[in-house]
Amino acid sequence: MEGNDFDRLLFFEHARKTAETVYEKNPRDADNLTRWGSALLELSQFQPVPESKQMIIECISKLEEAILINPQKGDALWCLGNAHTSNAFLTPDKEEARGYFDEAAECFERAVNADPGNELYCKSLEVAARAPELHAEIHKQGAMQQAMGAGPSTSSSTTRQNLKNKKSSDLKYDICGWVILAIGIVAWVGFAKSQPPLPPPQPR
């Protein structure tokens, strides 16, 4: 893992733990639940595919909880759309993935309705329409099946397995990263807002 990736991993793991602590004191804090979900979605990128999917499911749970508290919370809706999209790309079955893509598009549309002037939400909704086509192309080539098959091996050739895992991991980063590239920025800003020692963000 490169230095920047390791720094991100540490940052979002800290954000996750902080959100857990805040949740114990105030489970009705929609902003905190959104930060928690964002951190989980970021952390999912560093996991093998099965663990990544499990973390995404947990992320979805936190974000849905935030939206129950505030149905018009655009950043939670947008992040939830990204979580469903990421889940779809990690799902080889076309019809099952289509269901996740549909849920993602609905979340992006709700986010746009909540904040029509947000360019990020609008762009995500636009890109969501092309996601199923990209999914089909990726899985047709068999690339994702190879990535999803990556995991601990009993092979005596550790070097070969490490190279295979690295290629699979790189592929998963490419697929997930295209839809959640800005999650880090959103979560970073949101987390910074919750820390009193840091200077307040610039007013919108």
N, C-alpha and C. Protein backbone atom coordinates (compact mmCIF):
# COMPACT_ATOMS: atom_id res chain seq x y z
N MET A 1 0.84 -1.19 0.00
CA MET A 1 0.00 0.00 0.00
C MET A 1 0.88 1.24 0.00
N GLU A 2 0.60 2.17 -0.91
CA GLU A 2 1.38 3.39 -1.00
C GLU A 2 1.07 4.31 0.17
N GLY A 3 1.98 5.29 0.36
CA GLY A 3 1.85 6.18 1.50
C GLY A 3 0.53 6.91 1.55
N ASN A 4 0.09 7.46 0.40
CA ASN A 4 -1.16 8.21 0.37
C ASN A 4 -2.35 7.32 0.70
N ASP A 5 -2.33 6.09 0.18
CA ASP A 5 -3.42 5.16 0.48
C ASP A 5 -3.44 4.82 1.96
N PHE A 6 -2.27 4.64 2.54
CA PHE A 6 -2.20 4.30 3.96
C PHE A 6 -2.72 5.46 4.80
N ASP A 7 -2.38 6.69 4.40
CA ASP A 7 -2.88 7.87 5.11
C ASP A 7 -4.40 7.95 5.04
N ARG A 8 -4.95 7.66 3.86
CA ARG A 8 -6.40 7.68 3.70
C ARG A 8 -7.04 6.61 4.56
N LEU A 9 -6.43 5.44 4.57
CA LEU A 9 -6.96 4.34 5.37
C LEU A 9 -7.02 4.74 6.84
N LEU A 10 -5.93 5.32 7.34
CA LEU A 10 -5.89 5.75 8.74
C LEU A 10 -6.93 6.83 9.02
N PHE A 11 -7.04 7.78 8.09
CA PHE A 11 -7.97 8.89 8.28
C PHE A 11 -9.41 8.39 8.38
N PHE A 12 -9.81 7.55 7.43
CA PHE A 12 -11.21 7.12 7.40
C PHE A 12 -11.51 6.09 8.49
N GLU A 13 -10.50 5.36 8.92
CA GLU A 13 -10.72 4.46 10.05
C GLU A 13 -10.94 5.29 11.32
N HIS A 14 -10.19 6.37 11.45
CA HIS A 14 -10.39 7.28 12.59
C HIS A 14 -11.77 7.92 12.51
N ALA A 15 -12.17 8.33 11.29
CA ALA A 15 -13.49 8.94 11.11
C ALA A 15 -14.59 7.94 11.47
N ARG A 16 -14.41 6.69 11.10
CA ARG A 16 -15.41 5.66 11.42
C ARG A 16 -15.55 5.49 12.93
N LYS A 17 -14.41 5.40 13.60
CA LYS A 17 -14.44 5.19 15.05
C LYS A 17 -15.04 6.41 15.76
N THR A 18 -14.71 7.60 15.27
CA THR A 18 -15.27 8.82 15.86
C THR A 18 -16.79 8.84 15.69
N ALA A 19 -17.25 8.43 14.50
CA ALA A 19 -18.69 8.41 14.23
C ALA A 19 -19.40 7.42 15.15
N GLU A 20 -18.77 6.29 15.39
CA GLU A 20 -19.34 5.30 16.31
C GLU A 20 -19.53 5.89 17.70
N THR A 21 -18.51 6.63 18.16
CA THR A 21 -18.56 7.24 19.49
C THR A 21 -19.66 8.29 19.56
N VAL A 22 -19.74 9.12 18.52
CA VAL A 22 -20.78 10.16 18.49
C VAL A 22 -22.17 9.53 18.45
N TYR A 23 -22.30 8.43 17.72
CA TYR A 23 -23.59 7.75 17.59
C TYR A 23 -24.10 7.25 18.94
N GLU A 24 -23.18 6.78 19.76
CA GLU A 24 -23.58 6.29 21.09
C GLU A 24 -24.20 7.41 21.93
N LYS A 25 -23.73 8.63 21.72
CA LYS A 25 -24.24 9.78 22.47
C LYS A 25 -25.49 10.37 21.83
N ASN A 26 -25.52 10.33 20.50
CA ASN A 26 -26.66 10.93 19.78
C ASN A 26 -26.95 10.14 18.50
N PRO A 27 -27.78 9.11 18.59
CA PRO A 27 -28.08 8.29 17.41
C PRO A 27 -28.96 8.99 16.38
N ARG A 28 -29.43 10.18 16.68
CA ARG A 28 -30.30 10.91 15.75
C ARG A 28 -29.55 11.99 14.98
N ASP A 29 -28.24 11.94 15.00
CA ASP A 29 -27.42 12.93 14.29
C ASP A 29 -27.23 12.47 12.85
N ALA A 30 -28.01 13.04 11.93
CA ALA A 30 -27.95 12.63 10.53
C ALA A 30 -26.61 12.96 9.89
N ASP A 31 -26.01 14.07 10.28
CA ASP A 31 -24.69 14.43 9.74
C ASP A 31 -23.65 13.39 10.12
N ASN A 32 -23.69 12.95 11.38
CA ASN A 32 -22.74 11.95 11.84
C ASN A 32 -22.94 10.62 11.13
N LEU A 33 -24.19 10.23 10.94
CA LEU A 33 -24.48 8.98 10.23
C LEU A 33 -23.98 9.04 8.79
N THR A 34 -24.08 10.21 8.18
CA THR A 34 -23.59 10.38 6.81
C THR A 34 -22.08 10.27 6.77
N ARG A 35 -21.41 10.88 7.75
CA ARG A 35 -19.94 10.76 7.81
C ARG A 35 -19.54 9.31 8.02
N TRP A 36 -20.29 8.61 8.86
CA TRP A 36 -20.01 7.20 9.14
C TRP A 36 -20.14 6.38 7.85
N GLY A 37 -21.24 6.59 7.14
CA GLY A 37 -21.44 5.88 5.88
C GLY A 37 -20.37 6.20 4.86
N SER A 38 -19.98 7.47 4.76
CA SER A 38 -18.93 7.87 3.82
C SER A 38 -17.60 7.19 4.15
N ALA A 39 -17.28 7.14 5.44
CA ALA A 39 -16.03 6.50 5.86
C ALA A 39 -16.04 5.01 5.52
N LEU A 40 -17.17 4.36 5.75
CA LEU A 40 -17.27 2.92 5.43
C LEU A 40 -17.12 2.68 3.94
N LEU A 41 -17.70 3.57 3.13
CA LEU A 41 -17.60 3.40 1.68
C LEU A 41 -16.15 3.57 1.22
N GLU A 42 -15.45 4.52 1.81
CA GLU A 42 -14.03 4.70 1.49
C GLU A 42 -13.23 3.47 1.93
N LEU A 43 -13.48 3.02 3.15
CA LEU A 43 -12.73 1.88 3.69
C LEU A 43 -12.98 0.61 2.88
N SER A 44 -14.16 0.52 2.26
CA SER A 44 -14.47 -0.68 1.48
C SER A 44 -13.52 -0.87 0.31
N GLN A 45 -12.91 0.21 -0.16
CA GLN A 45 -12.00 0.13 -1.29
C GLN A 45 -10.71 -0.61 -0.94
N PHE A 46 -10.41 -0.68 0.34
CA PHE A 46 -9.16 -1.30 0.77
C PHE A 46 -9.33 -2.78 1.12
N GLN A 47 -10.54 -3.31 0.96
CA GLN A 47 -10.83 -4.68 1.39
C GLN A 47 -10.89 -5.63 0.19
N PRO A 48 -10.67 -6.94 0.42
CA PRO A 48 -10.98 -7.93 -0.62
C PRO A 48 -12.46 -7.85 -0.95
N VAL A 49 -12.85 -8.31 -2.12
CA VAL A 49 -14.22 -8.11 -2.60
C VAL A 49 -15.30 -8.57 -1.63
N PRO A 50 -15.24 -9.78 -1.06
CA PRO A 50 -16.32 -10.19 -0.14
C PRO A 50 -16.46 -9.25 1.06
N GLU A 51 -15.32 -8.87 1.66
CA GLU A 51 -15.36 -7.95 2.80
C GLU A 51 -15.80 -6.55 2.35
N SER A 52 -15.42 -6.18 1.13
CA SER A 52 -15.81 -4.89 0.59
C SER A 52 -17.33 -4.81 0.47
N LYS A 53 -17.95 -5.86 -0.05
CA LYS A 53 -19.41 -5.88 -0.20
C LYS A 53 -20.09 -5.80 1.17
N GLN A 54 -19.54 -6.49 2.16
CA GLN A 54 -20.13 -6.46 3.49
C GLN A 54 -20.05 -5.06 4.09
N MET A 55 -18.93 -4.38 3.85
CA MET A 55 -18.75 -3.03 4.37
C MET A 55 -19.69 -2.06 3.66
N ILE A 56 -19.92 -2.28 2.36
CA ILE A 56 -20.85 -1.43 1.62
C ILE A 56 -22.26 -1.61 2.14
N ILE A 57 -22.64 -2.85 2.47
CA ILE A 57 -23.97 -3.10 3.04
C ILE A 57 -24.14 -2.35 4.36
N GLU A 58 -23.09 -2.36 5.18
CA GLU A 58 -23.14 -1.62 6.44
C GLU A 58 -23.24 -0.12 6.18
N CYS A 59 -22.50 0.34 5.18
CA CYS A 59 -22.56 1.75 4.78
C CYS A 59 -23.98 2.14 4.39
N ILE A 60 -24.62 1.30 3.58
CA ILE A 60 -25.99 1.57 3.13
C ILE A 60 -26.93 1.68 4.33
N SER A 61 -26.74 0.81 5.30
CA SER A 61 -27.58 0.83 6.50
C SER A 61 -27.47 2.17 7.23
N LYS A 62 -26.24 2.67 7.40
CA LYS A 62 -26.03 3.93 8.11
C LYS A 62 -26.65 5.10 7.34
N LEU A 63 -26.48 5.09 6.02
CA LEU A 63 -26.99 6.19 5.20
C LEU A 63 -28.52 6.18 5.17
N GLU A 64 -29.10 5.00 5.10
CA GLU A 64 -30.56 4.92 5.13
C GLU A 64 -31.11 5.41 6.46
N GLU A 65 -30.35 5.16 7.52
CA GLU A 65 -30.74 5.65 8.84
C GLU A 65 -30.72 7.18 8.87
N ALA A 66 -29.70 7.77 8.24
CA ALA A 66 -29.59 9.23 8.17
C ALA A 66 -30.76 9.81 7.37
N ILE A 67 -31.13 9.13 6.28
CA ILE A 67 -32.20 9.63 5.42
C ILE A 67 -33.57 9.49 6.10
N LEU A 68 -33.72 8.49 6.94
CA LEU A 68 -34.96 8.38 7.72
C LEU A 68 -35.13 9.58 8.63
N ILE A 69 -34.01 10.06 9.17
CA ILE A 69 -34.04 11.22 10.06
C ILE A 69 -34.28 12.49 9.25
N ASN A 70 -33.62 12.59 8.09
CA ASN A 70 -33.76 13.77 7.23
C ASN A 70 -33.88 13.31 5.77
N PRO A 71 -35.10 13.13 5.28
CA PRO A 71 -35.31 12.62 3.92
C PRO A 71 -34.77 13.52 2.81
N GLN A 72 -34.52 14.79 3.13
CA GLN A 72 -34.02 15.72 2.13
C GLN A 72 -32.52 15.96 2.25
N LYS A 73 -31.82 15.08 2.93
CA LYS A 73 -30.38 15.26 3.14
C LYS A 73 -29.63 14.83 1.88
N GLY A 74 -29.29 15.82 1.05
CA GLY A 74 -28.70 15.55 -0.25
C GLY A 74 -27.41 14.76 -0.22
N ASP A 75 -26.49 15.09 0.70
CA ASP A 75 -25.20 14.40 0.71
C ASP A 75 -25.36 12.94 1.10
N ALA A 76 -26.31 12.64 1.99
CA ALA A 76 -26.56 11.24 2.35
C ALA A 76 -27.17 10.48 1.18
N LEU A 77 -28.09 11.12 0.47
CA LEU A 77 -28.71 10.49 -0.70
C LEU A 77 -27.67 10.23 -1.79
N TRP A 78 -26.81 11.21 -2.00
CA TRP A 78 -25.76 11.07 -3.02
C TRP A 78 -24.79 9.95 -2.66
N CYS A 79 -24.37 9.93 -1.40
CA CYS A 79 -23.44 8.89 -0.95
C CYS A 79 -24.11 7.51 -1.04
N LEU A 80 -25.39 7.44 -0.73
CA LEU A 80 -26.13 6.17 -0.83
C LEU A 80 -26.18 5.70 -2.28
N GLY A 81 -26.35 6.65 -3.20
CA GLY A 81 -26.31 6.29 -4.62
C GLY A 81 -24.98 5.69 -5.02
N ASN A 82 -23.90 6.26 -4.51
CA ASN A 82 -22.56 5.73 -4.80
C ASN A 82 -22.38 4.33 -4.20
N ALA A 83 -22.94 4.12 -3.01
CA ALA A 83 -22.82 2.82 -2.36
C ALA A 83 -23.54 1.75 -3.18
N HIS A 84 -24.76 2.06 -3.65
CA HIS A 84 -25.50 1.11 -4.47
C HIS A 84 -24.77 0.85 -5.79
N THR A 85 -24.17 1.88 -6.36
CA THR A 85 -23.43 1.72 -7.61
C THR A 85 -22.22 0.82 -7.40
N SER A 86 -21.48 1.06 -6.33
CA SER A 86 -20.32 0.23 -6.03
C SER A 86 -20.73 -1.22 -5.81
N ASN A 87 -21.83 -1.41 -5.10
CA ASN A 87 -22.34 -2.76 -4.86
C ASN A 87 -22.70 -3.45 -6.17
N ALA A 88 -23.27 -2.69 -7.09
CA ALA A 88 -23.65 -3.24 -8.40
C ALA A 88 -22.43 -3.72 -9.17
N PHE A 89 -21.37 -2.93 -9.16
CA PHE A 89 -20.18 -3.31 -9.91
C PHE A 89 -19.50 -4.55 -9.32
N LEU A 90 -19.71 -4.79 -8.05
CA LEU A 90 -19.13 -5.98 -7.42
C LEU A 90 -20.07 -7.18 -7.52
N THR A 91 -21.19 -7.01 -8.20
CA THR A 91 -22.17 -8.09 -8.35
C THR A 91 -22.15 -8.61 -9.79
N PRO A 92 -21.75 -9.85 -10.00
CA PRO A 92 -21.63 -10.36 -11.38
C PRO A 92 -22.97 -10.58 -12.08
N ASP A 93 -24.03 -10.92 -11.32
CA ASP A 93 -25.32 -11.18 -11.95
C ASP A 93 -25.92 -9.89 -12.51
N LYS A 94 -26.23 -9.92 -13.80
CA LYS A 94 -26.67 -8.72 -14.49
C LYS A 94 -27.97 -8.16 -13.93
N GLU A 95 -28.95 -9.03 -13.68
CA GLU A 95 -30.25 -8.58 -13.20
C GLU A 95 -30.16 -8.05 -11.77
N GLU A 96 -29.40 -8.74 -10.93
CA GLU A 96 -29.22 -8.26 -9.56
C GLU A 96 -28.52 -6.91 -9.55
N ALA A 97 -27.50 -6.78 -10.39
CA ALA A 97 -26.78 -5.51 -10.47
C ALA A 97 -27.69 -4.41 -10.98
N ARG A 98 -28.57 -4.75 -11.94
CA ARG A 98 -29.50 -3.76 -12.47
C ARG A 98 -30.37 -3.16 -11.36
N GLY A 99 -30.79 -4.01 -10.43
CA GLY A 99 -31.58 -3.52 -9.30
C GLY A 99 -30.82 -2.50 -8.47
N TYR A 100 -29.53 -2.77 -8.24
CA TYR A 100 -28.71 -1.82 -7.48
C TYR A 100 -28.52 -0.52 -8.25
N PHE A 101 -28.31 -0.63 -9.58
CA PHE A 101 -28.16 0.57 -10.39
C PHE A 101 -29.44 1.42 -10.37
N ASP A 102 -30.59 0.75 -10.41
CA ASP A 102 -31.86 1.48 -10.35
C ASP A 102 -32.00 2.22 -9.02
N GLU A 103 -31.62 1.55 -7.93
CA GLU A 103 -31.68 2.20 -6.62
C GLU A 103 -30.73 3.39 -6.56
N ALA A 104 -29.55 3.23 -7.18
CA ALA A 104 -28.58 4.32 -7.20
C ALA A 104 -29.14 5.52 -7.95
N ALA A 105 -29.73 5.26 -9.12
CA ALA A 105 -30.29 6.35 -9.93
C ALA A 105 -31.39 7.09 -9.16
N GLU A 106 -32.20 6.33 -8.44
CA GLU A 106 -33.27 6.95 -7.64
C GLU A 106 -32.68 7.85 -6.55
N CYS A 107 -31.60 7.37 -5.92
CA CYS A 107 -30.94 8.18 -4.88
C CYS A 107 -30.35 9.45 -5.46
N PHE A 108 -29.69 9.34 -6.62
CA PHE A 108 -29.10 10.52 -7.25
C PHE A 108 -30.20 11.51 -7.65
N GLU A 109 -31.32 10.99 -8.15
CA GLU A 109 -32.42 11.87 -8.53
C GLU A 109 -32.99 12.59 -7.32
N ARG A 110 -33.12 11.88 -6.21
CA ARG A 110 -33.62 12.51 -4.99
C ARG A 110 -32.63 13.55 -4.49
N ALA A 111 -31.33 13.27 -4.64
CA ALA A 111 -30.31 14.24 -4.22
C ALA A 111 -30.40 15.51 -5.06
N VAL A 112 -30.60 15.33 -6.36
CA VAL A 112 -30.75 16.49 -7.26
C VAL A 112 -31.99 17.29 -6.89
N ASN A 113 -33.08 16.60 -6.60
CA ASN A 113 -34.33 17.29 -6.20
C ASN A 113 -34.13 18.07 -4.90
N ALA A 114 -33.32 17.52 -3.99
CA ALA A 114 -33.06 18.19 -2.72
C ALA A 114 -32.16 19.41 -2.88
N ASP A 115 -31.25 19.33 -3.89
CA ASP A 115 -30.30 20.43 -4.12
C ASP A 115 -30.05 20.54 -5.62
N PRO A 116 -31.00 21.16 -6.36
CA PRO A 116 -30.92 21.20 -7.82
C PRO A 116 -29.67 21.88 -8.37
N GLY A 117 -29.07 22.77 -7.60
CA GLY A 117 -27.91 23.49 -8.09
C GLY A 117 -26.59 22.78 -7.87
N ASN A 118 -26.62 21.61 -7.27
CA ASN A 118 -25.38 20.89 -6.98
C ASN A 118 -24.90 20.15 -8.22
N GLU A 119 -23.79 20.60 -8.79
CA GLU A 119 -23.28 20.01 -10.03
C GLU A 119 -22.85 18.56 -9.85
N LEU A 120 -22.32 18.23 -8.67
CA LEU A 120 -21.86 16.87 -8.41
C LEU A 120 -23.04 15.89 -8.45
N TYR A 121 -24.15 16.28 -7.84
CA TYR A 121 -25.34 15.42 -7.84
C TYR A 121 -25.87 15.24 -9.26
N CYS A 122 -25.91 16.35 -10.01
CA CYS A 122 -26.41 16.29 -11.39
C CYS A 122 -25.53 15.41 -12.26
N LYS A 123 -24.22 15.55 -12.11
CA LYS A 123 -23.29 14.75 -12.90
C LYS A 123 -23.41 13.27 -12.54
N SER A 124 -23.58 12.98 -11.26
CA SER A 124 -23.72 11.59 -10.83
C SER A 124 -24.97 10.95 -11.43
N LEU A 125 -26.06 11.72 -11.49
CA LEU A 125 -27.29 11.21 -12.08
C LEU A 125 -27.09 10.94 -13.56
N GLU A 126 -26.37 11.82 -14.22
CA GLU A 126 -26.09 11.64 -15.65
C GLU A 126 -25.23 10.40 -15.90
N VAL A 127 -24.19 10.24 -15.10
CA VAL A 127 -23.27 9.10 -15.26
C VAL A 127 -23.97 7.79 -14.92
N ALA A 128 -24.92 7.83 -13.98
CA ALA A 128 -25.61 6.61 -13.54
C ALA A 128 -26.30 5.90 -14.70
N ALA A 129 -26.74 6.67 -15.68
CA ALA A 129 -27.45 6.09 -16.82
C ALA A 129 -26.52 5.19 -17.65
N ARG A 130 -25.21 5.46 -17.59
CA ARG A 130 -24.26 4.67 -18.38
C ARG A 130 -23.64 3.52 -17.59
N ALA A 131 -23.91 3.48 -16.30
CA ALA A 131 -23.27 2.47 -15.45
C ALA A 131 -23.59 1.03 -15.85
N PRO A 132 -24.86 0.69 -16.14
CA PRO A 132 -25.15 -0.71 -16.51
C PRO A 132 -24.38 -1.17 -17.74
N GLU A 133 -24.19 -0.26 -18.70
CA GLU A 133 -23.44 -0.61 -19.91
C GLU A 133 -21.99 -0.93 -19.57
N LEU A 134 -21.40 -0.12 -18.69
CA LEU A 134 -20.02 -0.37 -18.27
C LEU A 134 -19.93 -1.68 -17.50
N HIS A 135 -20.91 -1.94 -16.65
CA HIS A 135 -20.95 -3.19 -15.88
C HIS A 135 -20.95 -4.40 -16.83
N ALA A 136 -21.80 -4.34 -17.86
CA ALA A 136 -21.91 -5.44 -18.81
C ALA A 136 -20.59 -5.67 -19.53
N GLU A 137 -19.93 -4.59 -19.90
CA GLU A 137 -18.67 -4.71 -20.62
C GLU A 137 -17.59 -5.32 -19.73
N ILE A 138 -17.54 -4.88 -18.49
CA ILE A 138 -16.53 -5.39 -17.56
C ILE A 138 -16.71 -6.88 -17.32
N HIS A 139 -17.96 -7.28 -17.06
CA HIS A 139 -18.21 -8.68 -16.74
C HIS A 139 -18.17 -9.57 -17.97
N LYS A 140 -18.45 -9.00 -19.15
CA LYS A 140 -18.34 -9.77 -20.39
C LYS A 140 -16.89 -10.18 -20.64
N GLN A 141 -15.99 -9.30 -20.28
CA GLN A 141 -14.57 -9.58 -20.45
C GLN A 141 -14.04 -10.54 -19.39
N GLY A 142 -14.86 -10.79 -18.37
CA GLY A 142 -14.45 -11.71 -17.32
C GLY A 142 -13.47 -11.12 -16.33
N ALA A 143 -13.25 -9.82 -16.44
CA ALA A 143 -12.24 -9.20 -15.57
C ALA A 143 -12.69 -9.19 -14.13
N MET A 144 -13.98 -8.86 -13.89
CA MET A 144 -14.44 -8.77 -12.51
C MET A 144 -14.52 -10.15 -11.86
N GLN A 145 -14.88 -11.17 -12.65
CA GLN A 145 -14.91 -12.51 -12.08
C GLN A 145 -13.55 -12.90 -11.54
N GLN A 146 -12.53 -12.49 -12.27
CA GLN A 146 -11.17 -12.78 -11.81
C GLN A 146 -10.88 -12.04 -10.51
N ALA A 147 -11.33 -10.78 -10.45
CA ALA A 147 -11.09 -9.98 -9.24
C ALA A 147 -11.84 -10.56 -8.06
N MET A 148 -13.08 -11.01 -8.30
CA MET A 148 -13.89 -11.53 -7.21
C MET A 148 -13.38 -12.89 -6.73
N GLY A 149 -12.60 -13.53 -7.57
CA GLY A 149 -12.03 -14.81 -7.17
C GLY A 149 -10.74 -14.67 -6.40
N ALA A 150 -10.25 -13.45 -6.31
CA ALA A 150 -8.99 -13.24 -5.61
C ALA A 150 -9.17 -13.43 -4.12
N GLY A 151 -8.18 -14.00 -3.49
CA GLY A 151 -8.26 -14.20 -2.04
C GLY A 151 -7.10 -15.03 -1.58
N PRO A 152 -7.09 -15.45 -0.32
CA PRO A 152 -5.99 -16.26 0.19
C PRO A 152 -5.83 -17.53 -0.61
N SER A 153 -4.60 -17.92 -0.86
CA SER A 153 -4.34 -19.10 -1.68
C SER A 153 -3.41 -20.06 -0.96
N THR A 154 -3.57 -21.33 -1.25
CA THR A 154 -2.68 -22.33 -0.66
C THR A 154 -1.52 -22.63 -1.59
N SER A 155 -1.44 -21.89 -2.69
CA SER A 155 -0.37 -22.12 -3.66
C SER A 155 0.99 -21.84 -3.03
N SER A 156 1.97 -22.61 -3.45
CA SER A 156 3.32 -22.42 -2.91
C SER A 156 3.98 -21.21 -3.53
N SER A 157 3.42 -20.72 -4.61
CA SER A 157 4.00 -19.57 -5.29
C SER A 157 3.40 -18.29 -4.73
N THR A 158 3.96 -17.80 -3.64
CA THR A 158 3.44 -16.61 -2.98
C THR A 158 3.57 -15.39 -3.88
N THR A 159 4.68 -15.29 -4.59
CA THR A 159 4.90 -14.13 -5.45
C THR A 159 3.84 -14.06 -6.53
N ARG A 160 3.53 -15.19 -7.16
CA ARG A 160 2.53 -15.21 -8.22
C ARG A 160 1.17 -14.79 -7.67
N GLN A 161 0.84 -15.31 -6.48
CA GLN A 161 -0.45 -14.98 -5.90
C GLN A 161 -0.53 -13.49 -5.54
N ASN A 162 0.58 -12.95 -5.01
CA ASN A 162 0.60 -11.54 -4.66
C ASN A 162 0.38 -10.66 -5.89
N LEU A 163 1.00 -11.05 -7.01
CA LEU A 163 0.83 -10.30 -8.24
C LEU A 163 -0.62 -10.37 -8.72
N LYS A 164 -1.20 -11.57 -8.62
CA LYS A 164 -2.60 -11.74 -9.02
C LYS A 164 -3.52 -10.89 -8.15
N ASN A 165 -3.27 -10.91 -6.84
CA ASN A 165 -4.09 -10.12 -5.92
C ASN A 165 -3.96 -8.63 -6.20
N LYS A 166 -2.72 -8.21 -6.53
CA LYS A 166 -2.50 -6.80 -6.82
C LYS A 166 -3.27 -6.37 -8.06
N LYS A 167 -3.24 -7.20 -9.11
CA LYS A 167 -3.98 -6.88 -10.32
C LYS A 167 -5.48 -6.82 -10.04
N SER A 168 -5.97 -7.77 -9.26
CA SER A 168 -7.38 -7.79 -8.92
C SER A 168 -7.76 -6.58 -8.09
N SER A 169 -6.89 -6.24 -7.15
CA SER A 169 -7.16 -5.08 -6.30
C SER A 169 -7.17 -3.80 -7.13
N ASP A 170 -6.19 -3.69 -8.07
CA ASP A 170 -6.13 -2.51 -8.92
C ASP A 170 -7.42 -2.37 -9.74
N LEU A 171 -7.92 -3.51 -10.24
CA LEU A 171 -9.15 -3.48 -11.03
C LEU A 171 -10.31 -2.98 -10.18
N LYS A 172 -10.39 -3.50 -8.94
CA LYS A 172 -11.50 -3.10 -8.05
C LYS A 172 -11.42 -1.61 -7.73
N TYR A 173 -10.18 -1.09 -7.56
CA TYR A 173 -10.03 0.35 -7.31
C TYR A 173 -10.55 1.15 -8.49
N ASP A 174 -10.21 0.70 -9.72
CA ASP A 174 -10.63 1.41 -10.91
C ASP A 174 -12.16 1.45 -11.02
N ILE A 175 -12.78 0.31 -10.76
CA ILE A 175 -14.24 0.21 -10.93
C ILE A 175 -14.96 1.02 -9.86
N CYS A 176 -14.54 0.84 -8.61
CA CYS A 176 -15.23 1.56 -7.52
C CYS A 176 -14.86 3.03 -7.52
N GLY A 177 -13.62 3.31 -7.85
CA GLY A 177 -13.13 4.68 -7.71
C GLY A 177 -13.80 5.69 -8.63
N TRP A 178 -14.26 5.23 -9.80
CA TRP A 178 -14.82 6.19 -10.76
C TRP A 178 -16.10 6.83 -10.25
N VAL A 179 -16.82 6.13 -9.36
CA VAL A 179 -18.08 6.70 -8.87
C VAL A 179 -17.95 7.33 -7.49
N ILE A 180 -16.89 7.01 -6.75
CA ILE A 180 -16.81 7.55 -5.39
C ILE A 180 -15.55 8.38 -5.18
N LEU A 181 -15.06 8.94 -6.29
CA LEU A 181 -13.84 9.73 -6.21
C LEU A 181 -13.97 10.90 -5.25
N ALA A 182 -15.13 11.55 -5.26
CA ALA A 182 -15.32 12.74 -4.42
C ALA A 182 -15.77 12.44 -3.01
N ILE A 183 -16.03 11.17 -2.70
CA ILE A 183 -16.48 10.81 -1.35
C ILE A 183 -15.45 11.27 -0.32
N GLY A 184 -14.18 11.09 -0.63
CA GLY A 184 -13.12 11.46 0.31
C GLY A 184 -13.18 12.93 0.67
N ILE A 185 -13.41 13.76 -0.36
CA ILE A 185 -13.49 15.20 -0.12
C ILE A 185 -14.69 15.52 0.76
N VAL A 186 -15.84 14.93 0.43
CA VAL A 186 -17.06 15.18 1.20
C VAL A 186 -16.88 14.75 2.65
N ALA A 187 -16.35 13.54 2.82
CA ALA A 187 -16.17 13.03 4.18
C ALA A 187 -15.13 13.84 4.94
N TRP A 188 -14.06 14.23 4.25
CA TRP A 188 -13.00 15.01 4.89
C TRP A 188 -13.56 16.34 5.40
N VAL A 189 -14.31 17.02 4.53
CA VAL A 189 -14.89 18.31 4.92
C VAL A 189 -15.88 18.11 6.07
N GLY A 190 -16.72 17.07 5.94
CA GLY A 190 -17.70 16.82 6.99
C GLY A 190 -17.06 16.49 8.32
N PHE A 191 -15.99 15.71 8.26
CA PHE A 191 -15.29 15.34 9.49
C PHE A 191 -14.60 16.55 10.09
N ALA A 192 -14.02 17.39 9.22
CA ALA A 192 -13.34 18.59 9.70
C ALA A 192 -14.31 19.52 10.42
N LYS A 193 -15.56 19.58 9.92
CA LYS A 193 -16.55 20.44 10.55
C LYS A 193 -16.86 20.00 11.97
N SER A 194 -16.66 18.70 12.24
CA SER A 194 -17.03 18.18 13.56
C SER A 194 -15.90 18.32 14.57
N GLN A 195 -14.74 18.82 14.11
CA GLN A 195 -13.58 18.94 15.00
C GLN A 195 -13.39 20.40 15.42
N PRO A 196 -13.67 20.75 16.67
CA PRO A 196 -13.56 22.15 17.12
C PRO A 196 -12.20 22.79 16.91
N PRO A 197 -11.05 22.06 17.08
CA PRO A 197 -9.77 22.73 16.94
C PRO A 197 -9.50 23.25 15.53
N LEU A 198 -10.17 22.69 14.52
CA LEU A 198 -9.89 23.09 13.17
C LEU A 198 -10.64 24.38 12.83
N PRO A 199 -10.08 25.18 11.92
CA PRO A 199 -10.76 26.42 11.52
C PRO A 199 -12.05 26.09 10.81
N PRO A 200 -13.07 26.92 10.98
CA PRO A 200 -14.38 26.65 10.32
C PRO A 200 -14.25 26.74 8.81
N PRO A 201 -15.08 25.99 8.08
CA PRO A 201 -15.03 26.06 6.60
C PRO A 201 -15.56 27.38 6.11
N GLN A 202 -15.18 27.72 4.88
CA GLN A 202 -15.64 28.98 4.29
C GLN A 202 -17.14 28.92 4.07
N PRO A 203 -17.84 29.99 4.35
CA PRO A 203 -19.30 29.99 4.14
C PRO A 203 -19.63 29.86 2.65
N ARG A 204 -20.74 29.14 2.37
CA ARG A 204 -21.16 28.96 0.98
C ARG A 204 -21.75 30.25 0.41
